[in-house]
Amino acid sequence: MKLIRLTNATKGRIGEGLILNTDLIASFFEHSQEDGTKVTVAYGMNGNSWEVSETIDEIMEKTNGN
């Protein structure tokens, strides 16, 4: 199991820390919120999803241990 710390970008929780288990993440994709803010969405294998402020490249660095 590998845990990574990301920054929540979901309205009402912006800026809060978020810990995700990478073993349970199916995919990441970029998305623009209604106000035009760009976020990355982590889509979990259980159907849950999380909007985070880190880019896909930043997430890849974290998952590769950098």
C-alpha atoms as a PDB file:
ATOM      1  CA  MET A   1       0.000   0.000   0.000  1.00  0.00           C
ATOM      2  CA  LYS A   2       1.311   3.448  -0.921  1.00  0.00           C
ATOM      3  CA  LEU A   3      -0.272   6.572   0.537  1.00  0.00           C
ATOM      4  CA  ILE A   4       0.149  10.001  -1.006  1.00  0.00           C
ATOM      5  CA  ARG A   5      -0.813  13.375   0.440  1.00  0.00           C
ATOM      6  CA  LEU A   6      -2.681  15.687  -1.923  1.00  0.00           C
ATOM      7  CA  THR A   7      -4.576  18.963  -1.550  1.00  0.00           C
ATOM      8  CA  ASN A   8      -8.345  18.888  -1.746  1.00  0.00           C
ATOM      9  CA  ALA A   9      -9.866  21.101  -4.445  1.00  0.00           C
ATOM     10  CA  THR A  10     -13.511  20.262  -3.787  1.00  0.00           C
ATOM     11  CA  LYS A  11     -15.690  23.260  -2.937  1.00  0.00           C
ATOM     12  CA  GLY A  12     -16.139  23.462   0.817  1.00  0.00           C
ATOM     13  CA  ARG A  13     -12.854  21.615   1.404  1.00  0.00           C
ATOM     14  CA  ILE A  14     -10.394  23.625  -0.725  1.00  0.00           C
ATOM     15  CA  GLY A  15      -6.880  23.527   0.674  1.00  0.00           C
ATOM     16  CA  GLU A  16      -7.485  20.691   3.142  1.00  0.00           C
ATOM     17  CA  GLY A  17      -5.086  17.748   3.161  1.00  0.00           C
ATOM     18  CA  LEU A  18      -6.204  14.496   1.600  1.00  0.00           C
ATOM     19  CA  ILE A  19      -4.484  11.114   1.891  1.00  0.00           C
ATOM     20  CA  LEU A  20      -5.155   8.592  -0.882  1.00  0.00           C
ATOM     21  CA  ASN A  21      -4.142   4.947  -1.145  1.00  0.00           C
ATOM     22  CA  THR A  22      -2.722   4.593  -4.664  1.00  0.00           C
ATOM     23  CA  ASP A  23      -3.582   0.866  -4.710  1.00  0.00           C
ATOM     24  CA  LEU A  24      -7.271   1.832  -4.824  1.00  0.00           C
ATOM     25  CA  ILE A  25      -7.041   4.532  -7.518  1.00  0.00           C
ATOM     26  CA  ALA A  26      -8.150   3.498 -11.007  1.00  0.00           C
ATOM     27  CA  SER A  27      -7.204   6.685 -12.856  1.00  0.00           C
ATOM     28  CA  PHE A  28      -6.411  10.385 -12.721  1.00  0.00           C
ATOM     29  CA  PHE A  29      -7.699  12.924 -15.228  1.00  0.00           C
ATOM     30  CA  GLU A  30      -7.667  16.681 -15.662  1.00  0.00           C
ATOM     31  CA  HIS A  31     -10.928  18.578 -15.349  1.00  0.00           C
ATOM     32  CA  SER A  32     -12.135  22.194 -15.290  1.00  0.00           C
ATOM     33  CA  GLN A  33     -14.610  23.139 -12.586  1.00  0.00           C
ATOM     34  CA  GLU A  34     -17.620  25.332 -13.427  1.00  0.00           C
ATOM     35  CA  ASP A  35     -15.655  28.477 -12.549  1.00  0.00           C
ATOM     36  CA  GLY A  36     -12.797  27.460 -14.879  1.00  0.00           C
ATOM     37  CA  THR A  37     -10.432  26.296 -12.142  1.00  0.00           C
ATOM     38  CA  LYS A  38      -8.333  23.390 -13.394  1.00  0.00           C
ATOM     39  CA  VAL A  39      -8.132  20.404 -11.059  1.00  0.00           C
ATOM     40  CA  THR A  40      -7.076  16.786 -11.268  1.00  0.00           C
ATOM     41  CA  VAL A  41      -9.647  14.152 -10.436  1.00  0.00           C
ATOM     42  CA  ALA A  42      -8.620  10.889  -8.792  1.00  0.00           C
ATOM     43  CA  TYR A  43     -11.135   8.184  -9.654  1.00  0.00           C
ATOM     44  CA  GLY A  44     -11.217   5.289  -7.206  1.00  0.00           C
ATOM     45  CA  MET A  45     -11.906   1.641  -7.953  1.00  0.00           C
ATOM     46  CA  ASN A  46     -14.937   1.811  -5.644  1.00  0.00           C
ATOM     47  CA  GLY A  47     -16.582   4.576  -7.708  1.00  0.00           C
ATOM     48  CA  ASN A  48     -15.557   7.480  -5.461  1.00  0.00           C
ATOM     49  CA  SER A  49     -13.688  10.457  -6.864  1.00  0.00           C
ATOM     50  CA  TRP A  50     -11.665  13.314  -5.402  1.00  0.00           C
ATOM     51  CA  GLU A  51     -10.733  16.679  -6.921  1.00  0.00           C
ATOM     52  CA  VAL A  52      -7.202  17.759  -6.044  1.00  0.00           C
ATOM     53  CA  SER A  53      -5.154  20.837  -6.870  1.00  0.00           C
ATOM     54  CA  GLU A  54      -1.962  18.969  -7.863  1.00  0.00           C
ATOM     55  CA  THR A  55      -1.287  18.369 -11.558  1.00  0.00           C
ATOM     56  CA  ILE A  56      -0.987  14.898 -13.036  1.00  0.00           C
ATOM     57  CA  ASP A  57       2.791  15.409 -13.287  1.00  0.00           C
ATOM     58  CA  GLU A  58       3.015  16.331  -9.592  1.00  0.00           C
ATOM     59  CA  ILE A  59       0.971  13.259  -8.663  1.00  0.00           C
ATOM     60  CA  MET A  60       3.228  11.021 -10.766  1.00  0.00           C
ATOM     61  CA  GLU A  61       6.280  12.399  -8.943  1.00  0.00           C
ATOM     62  CA  LYS A  62       4.659  11.623  -5.596  1.00  0.00           C
ATOM     63  CA  THR A  63       3.664   8.102  -6.602  1.00  0.00           C
ATOM     64  CA  ASN A  64       7.169   7.395  -7.889  1.00  0.00           C
ATOM     65  CA  GLY A  65       8.633   8.406  -4.524  1.00  0.00           C
ATOM     66  CA  ASN A  66      10.151  11.771  -5.523  1.00  0.00           C
END
